[in-house]
Each structure stands twice: as C-alpha cells, then as structure tokens.
Amino acid sequence: IHNSCAELVTLTLDKKMLKDHGFVLEPDSLKPLPPGKSAVINVTATRPKEEPEGIKELEWVIPVRGGPVYKVQLKADFVLPDLTLSHDFLDFGKILFGQRKRITMEFKNDKMVP
C-alpha cells in the first residue's frame, strides 16, 4: 500500500472478518502511513482440512479514516492433489544383512493444480 496523498493515512483493517472468510493478514497492526510512504501487507488464503475444494472469494473493503473506501477482490482456488503411485506394492525380495536395495517409485498428480 502506498500513500500518494499529502496527508497521513490511517487504514482500518478488519482482521477478524478476513480470518472468518479464510484469509490471514500480516502484519498484525499497521501504523498510519505518512505522505509518500509505503507499507507491505501480506494476505494468505487458508482453509481447514475438513473444508471441501473450491473457490473462496471475498470483497475486502478497506476504509481509510477520513477518506474513501477501497475494495479489493480476494480469490483463492483450493485444490487437493490426487496422487497415484506407480506401484501398489513394493517387493524388496531377500536382502542380505548390511546391504541395501533401492526401488524407484513415482508419485503422479493427475489433477490440475493452479
């Protein structure tokens, strides 16, 4: 976020609302931005394990104290991998004590991951 205005800008960030919709905001707090200064805000999309795959969207409203309201569209597409293995069973056969045997196994994800 960059303050291109000639006055100090204070943003009101509703972290609880974002968290309730599966988005986490960092840093925890944001100091008022002086004119010409910038701040970095990281937004991470999260979901509980029991929640299904799919798209999560949120129109994030960022009010500026004494100024306009900005809207940012947040969108995350949660996809679980669909792994298949090259072998259902691995047979190492007889191995002498102190020796080793290596078998290569391939994991393949057949699902499109964005």
Protein backbone atom coordinates (compact mmCIF):
# COMPACT_ATOMS: atom_id res chain seq x y z
CA ILE A 1 0.00 0.00 0.00
CA HIS A 2 1.37 3.39 -0.96
CA ASN A 3 0.20 6.74 0.39
CA SER A 4 0.24 9.11 -2.58
CA CYS A 5 -1.72 11.75 -0.71
CA ALA A 6 -0.27 14.77 1.11
CA GLU A 7 -1.72 13.75 4.49
CA LEU A 8 -1.22 10.95 6.99
CA VAL A 9 -3.40 7.95 6.07
CA THR A 10 -4.89 5.53 8.61
CA LEU A 11 -6.40 2.27 7.37
CA THR A 12 -8.93 0.21 9.30
CA LEU A 13 -8.17 -3.46 8.70
CA ASP A 14 -10.78 -5.96 9.94
CA LYS A 15 -8.54 -8.99 10.52
CA LYS A 16 -11.29 -10.98 12.26
CA MET A 17 -13.61 -10.68 9.27
CA LEU A 18 -10.79 -11.77 6.94
CA LYS A 19 -9.95 -14.75 9.18
CA ASP A 20 -13.62 -15.79 9.31
CA HIS A 21 -13.52 -16.00 5.49
CA GLY A 22 -10.23 -17.94 5.29
CA PHE A 23 -7.74 -15.13 4.78
CA VAL A 24 -4.93 -14.18 7.16
CA LEU A 25 -3.40 -10.71 7.20
CA GLU A 26 0.16 -9.79 8.19
CA PRO A 27 1.46 -7.72 9.88
CA ASP A 28 -0.77 -7.74 12.95
CA SER A 29 -1.05 -3.96 13.00
CA LEU A 30 -0.42 -1.18 10.53
CA LYS A 31 0.82 2.22 11.62
CA PRO A 32 -0.55 5.34 9.94
CA LEU A 33 1.22 5.96 6.64
CA PRO A 34 2.99 9.29 6.17
CA PRO A 35 2.75 11.02 2.77
CA GLY A 36 4.83 9.28 0.08
CA LYS A 37 5.49 6.19 2.22
CA SER A 38 4.56 2.56 1.59
CA ALA A 39 3.75 -0.49 3.67
CA VAL A 40 3.61 -4.16 2.72
CA ILE A 41 0.55 -6.19 3.65
CA ASN A 42 0.60 -9.95 3.09
CA VAL A 43 -2.69 -11.77 2.65
CA THR A 44 -2.63 -15.58 2.88
CA ALA A 45 -5.53 -17.86 1.99
CA THR A 46 -6.13 -20.78 4.37
CA ARG A 47 -8.73 -23.47 4.79
CA PRO A 48 -9.45 -26.16 7.39
CA LYS A 49 -8.70 -29.77 6.39
CA GLU A 50 -12.38 -30.74 6.55
CA GLU A 51 -13.47 -27.99 4.17
CA PRO A 52 -14.12 -29.07 0.56
CA GLU A 53 -12.18 -27.99 -2.50
CA GLY A 54 -13.33 -24.96 -4.39
CA ILE A 55 -13.05 -21.25 -4.93
CA LYS A 56 -13.17 -18.87 -1.98
CA GLU A 57 -13.96 -15.25 -2.82
CA LEU A 58 -14.28 -12.16 -0.69
CA GLU A 59 -14.75 -8.50 -1.49
CA TRP A 60 -12.42 -6.93 1.08
CA VAL A 61 -13.45 -3.40 1.98
CA ILE A 62 -10.61 -1.22 3.27
CA PRO A 63 -11.90 2.03 4.76
CA VAL A 64 -9.49 4.95 5.03
CA ARG A 65 -10.15 7.16 8.04
CA GLY A 66 -11.40 10.48 6.71
CA GLY A 67 -11.10 9.27 3.12
CA PRO A 68 -12.58 6.90 0.57
CA VAL A 69 -13.34 3.20 0.87
CA TYR A 70 -11.26 0.82 -1.27
CA LYS A 71 -12.48 -2.59 -2.41
CA VAL A 72 -10.09 -5.46 -3.12
CA GLN A 73 -11.36 -8.74 -4.59
CA LEU A 74 -9.68 -11.70 -2.89
CA LYS A 75 -9.92 -15.09 -4.60
CA ALA A 76 -8.34 -18.46 -3.76
CA ASP A 77 -8.85 -21.76 -5.56
CA PHE A 78 -8.29 -24.63 -3.10
CA VAL A 79 -7.35 -27.88 -4.80
CA LEU A 80 -6.32 -31.12 -3.14
CA PRO A 81 -3.79 -33.22 -5.03
CA ASP A 82 -4.97 -36.56 -6.44
CA LEU A 83 -1.88 -38.73 -6.13
CA THR A 84 -1.41 -42.05 -7.85
CA LEU A 85 1.56 -44.31 -7.25
CA SER A 86 3.49 -46.17 -9.92
CA HIS A 87 3.32 -49.37 -7.81
CA ASP A 88 0.64 -50.63 -5.44
CA PHE A 89 3.11 -52.96 -3.78
CA LEU A 90 6.89 -52.85 -3.29
CA ASP A 91 8.74 -56.17 -3.04
CA PHE A 92 12.35 -55.81 -1.98
CA GLY A 93 12.89 -59.56 -2.09
CA LYS A 94 15.67 -61.06 0.01
CA ILE A 95 18.30 -58.61 1.13
CA LEU A 96 21.46 -59.70 2.87
CA PHE A 97 22.18 -58.11 6.21
CA GLY A 98 24.33 -54.99 5.75
CA GLN A 99 23.27 -54.49 2.13
CA ARG A 100 20.59 -52.31 0.69
CA LYS A 101 18.30 -52.31 -2.29
CA ARG A 102 16.74 -49.28 -3.93
CA ILE A 103 13.42 -49.27 -5.72
CA THR A 104 12.20 -46.19 -7.53
CA MET A 105 8.58 -45.21 -7.04
CA GLU A 106 6.81 -42.42 -8.88
CA PHE A 107 4.09 -40.19 -7.45
CA LYS A 108 1.86 -38.57 -10.04
CA ASN A 109 -0.75 -35.87 -9.52
CA ASP A 110 -3.49 -36.36 -12.13
CA LYS A 111 -5.37 -33.26 -11.02
CA MET A 112 -4.80 -29.80 -12.43
CA VAL A 113 -3.22 -27.61 -9.77
CA PRO A 114 -3.36 -23.89 -10.49
